[in-house]
Amino acid sequence: MPRNDIAAIIGLIVAFWYVFAGPGRAQGLRNPRAIGMALAAFAVAFAITWIVLRLLNY
């Protein structure tokens, strides 16, 4: 599986966790700030996973 796919899957898991079980659960997806924070959580998780996989030569 390509590195981008793995990073995207992990990013989605983190974003869903943030919205439904993490710090953003009180807001859900009802306001723009919550959606922005979910996208930020996805972007950070994607970037970290991509960099780690790159460092591991995957």
N, C-alpha and C. Protein backbone atom coordinates (compact mmCIF):
# COMPACT_ATOMS: atom_id res chain seq x y z
N MET A 1 0.86 -1.17 0.00
CA MET A 1 0.00 0.00 0.00
C MET A 1 0.91 1.24 0.00
N PRO A 2 0.63 2.20 -0.86
CA PRO A 2 1.48 3.40 -0.93
C PRO A 2 1.44 4.23 0.37
N ARG A 3 2.51 4.95 0.57
CA ARG A 3 2.65 5.76 1.77
C ARG A 3 1.52 6.77 1.94
N ASN A 4 1.08 7.40 0.84
CA ASN A 4 0.01 8.39 0.93
C ASN A 4 -1.30 7.76 1.40
N ASP A 5 -1.58 6.53 0.95
CA ASP A 5 -2.80 5.85 1.38
C ASP A 5 -2.78 5.56 2.87
N ILE A 6 -1.66 5.07 3.35
CA ILE A 6 -1.54 4.77 4.78
C ILE A 6 -1.68 6.04 5.59
N ALA A 7 -1.03 7.12 5.17
CA ALA A 7 -1.11 8.39 5.89
C ALA A 7 -2.54 8.94 5.86
N ALA A 8 -3.24 8.78 4.75
CA ALA A 8 -4.62 9.26 4.65
C ALA A 8 -5.54 8.48 5.58
N ILE A 9 -5.37 7.18 5.64
CA ILE A 9 -6.20 6.35 6.52
C ILE A 9 -5.99 6.73 7.98
N ILE A 10 -4.74 6.88 8.39
CA ILE A 10 -4.45 7.27 9.77
C ILE A 10 -4.96 8.67 10.04
N GLY A 11 -4.82 9.57 9.07
CA GLY A 11 -5.34 10.93 9.23
C GLY A 11 -6.85 10.95 9.41
N LEU A 12 -7.55 10.13 8.65
CA LEU A 12 -9.01 10.06 8.80
C LEU A 12 -9.40 9.50 10.16
N ILE A 13 -8.68 8.49 10.62
CA ILE A 13 -8.97 7.92 11.94
C ILE A 13 -8.81 8.98 13.02
N VAL A 14 -7.73 9.75 12.94
CA VAL A 14 -7.49 10.80 13.94
C VAL A 14 -8.56 11.88 13.84
N ALA A 15 -8.94 12.28 12.64
CA ALA A 15 -9.96 13.31 12.47
C ALA A 15 -11.30 12.84 13.03
N PHE A 16 -11.69 11.60 12.74
CA PHE A 16 -12.94 11.07 13.29
C PHE A 16 -12.87 10.97 14.81
N TRP A 17 -11.72 10.56 15.34
CA TRP A 17 -11.57 10.52 16.80
C TRP A 17 -11.75 11.92 17.37
N TYR A 18 -11.14 12.91 16.74
CA TYR A 18 -11.24 14.28 17.25
C TYR A 18 -12.69 14.75 17.29
N VAL A 19 -13.44 14.45 16.23
CA VAL A 19 -14.82 14.93 16.14
C VAL A 19 -15.75 14.18 17.08
N PHE A 20 -15.59 12.86 17.17
CA PHE A 20 -16.58 12.06 17.88
C PHE A 20 -16.17 11.61 19.27
N ALA A 21 -14.89 11.61 19.62
CA ALA A 21 -14.47 11.12 20.93
C ALA A 21 -13.46 12.04 21.62
N GLY A 22 -12.83 12.90 20.88
CA GLY A 22 -11.78 13.74 21.43
C GLY A 22 -12.28 15.09 21.91
N PRO A 23 -11.39 16.06 21.92
CA PRO A 23 -11.73 17.39 22.43
C PRO A 23 -12.85 18.10 21.65
N GLY A 24 -13.08 17.72 20.41
CA GLY A 24 -14.09 18.38 19.60
C GLY A 24 -15.46 17.74 19.68
N ARG A 25 -15.62 16.75 20.54
CA ARG A 25 -16.88 16.00 20.56
C ARG A 25 -18.07 16.83 20.99
N ALA A 26 -17.86 17.84 21.80
CA ALA A 26 -18.98 18.67 22.27
C ALA A 26 -19.58 19.48 21.12
N GLN A 27 -18.76 19.84 20.15
CA GLN A 27 -19.23 20.67 19.05
C GLN A 27 -19.70 19.85 17.86
N GLY A 28 -19.24 18.60 17.76
CA GLY A 28 -19.59 17.79 16.60
C GLY A 28 -19.14 18.48 15.32
N LEU A 29 -19.98 18.49 14.32
CA LEU A 29 -19.67 19.21 13.08
C LEU A 29 -20.67 20.33 12.86
N ARG A 30 -21.06 20.98 13.95
CA ARG A 30 -22.10 22.00 13.85
C ARG A 30 -21.61 23.39 13.50
N ASN A 31 -20.36 23.68 13.75
CA ASN A 31 -19.90 25.03 13.43
C ASN A 31 -18.61 24.98 12.61
N PRO A 32 -18.28 26.05 11.93
CA PRO A 32 -17.11 26.06 11.05
C PRO A 32 -15.79 25.84 11.79
N ARG A 33 -15.71 26.29 13.03
CA ARG A 33 -14.47 26.10 13.78
C ARG A 33 -14.21 24.63 14.04
N ALA A 34 -15.25 23.87 14.35
CA ALA A 34 -15.09 22.44 14.59
C ALA A 34 -14.65 21.71 13.33
N ILE A 35 -15.20 22.11 12.19
CA ILE A 35 -14.80 21.50 10.92
C ILE A 35 -13.34 21.84 10.62
N GLY A 36 -12.96 23.07 10.86
CA GLY A 36 -11.57 23.49 10.65
C GLY A 36 -10.60 22.74 11.54
N MET A 37 -10.98 22.52 12.79
CA MET A 37 -10.11 21.78 13.70
C MET A 37 -10.01 20.31 13.29
N ALA A 38 -11.09 19.73 12.79
CA ALA A 38 -11.04 18.35 12.30
C ALA A 38 -10.11 18.26 11.08
N LEU A 39 -10.18 19.23 10.19
CA LEU A 39 -9.28 19.26 9.03
C LEU A 39 -7.83 19.45 9.47
N ALA A 40 -7.63 20.29 10.48
CA ALA A 40 -6.27 20.49 10.99
C ALA A 40 -5.74 19.21 11.63
N ALA A 41 -6.59 18.49 12.37
CA ALA A 41 -6.18 17.22 12.97
C ALA A 41 -5.80 16.22 11.88
N PHE A 42 -6.60 16.19 10.80
CA PHE A 42 -6.28 15.31 9.68
C PHE A 42 -4.93 15.68 9.07
N ALA A 43 -4.72 16.97 8.82
CA ALA A 43 -3.49 17.42 8.18
C ALA A 43 -2.26 17.10 9.02
N VAL A 44 -2.36 17.31 10.31
CA VAL A 44 -1.22 17.04 11.20
C VAL A 44 -0.93 15.54 11.25
N ALA A 45 -1.97 14.74 11.40
CA ALA A 45 -1.77 13.29 11.45
C ALA A 45 -1.22 12.77 10.12
N PHE A 46 -1.73 13.28 9.01
CA PHE A 46 -1.23 12.88 7.69
C PHE A 46 0.25 13.22 7.57
N ALA A 47 0.61 14.45 7.93
CA ALA A 47 2.00 14.89 7.79
C ALA A 47 2.94 14.07 8.66
N ILE A 48 2.56 13.86 9.91
CA ILE A 48 3.43 13.10 10.82
C ILE A 48 3.60 11.67 10.32
N THR A 49 2.50 11.04 9.92
CA THR A 49 2.57 9.67 9.42
C THR A 49 3.41 9.59 8.16
N TRP A 50 3.23 10.52 7.25
CA TRP A 50 3.97 10.52 6.00
C TRP A 50 5.46 10.67 6.26
N ILE A 51 5.82 11.58 7.17
CA ILE A 51 7.24 11.80 7.49
C ILE A 51 7.85 10.57 8.15
N VAL A 52 7.12 9.97 9.09
CA VAL A 52 7.65 8.77 9.76
C VAL A 52 7.84 7.63 8.76
N LEU A 53 6.87 7.42 7.88
CA LEU A 53 7.02 6.37 6.88
C LEU A 53 8.17 6.67 5.93
N ARG A 54 8.36 7.94 5.61
CA ARG A 54 9.49 8.33 4.76
C ARG A 54 10.82 8.05 5.45
N LEU A 55 10.90 8.35 6.75
CA LEU A 55 12.13 8.10 7.49
C LEU A 55 12.41 6.60 7.63
N LEU A 56 11.37 5.81 7.63
CA LEU A 56 11.53 4.35 7.71
C LEU A 56 11.75 3.70 6.33
N ASN A 57 11.86 4.55 5.30
CA ASN A 57 12.06 4.10 3.92
C ASN A 57 10.93 3.19 3.43
N TYR A 58 9.70 3.50 3.83
CA TYR A 58 8.56 2.71 3.36
C TYR A 58 7.99 3.34 2.13
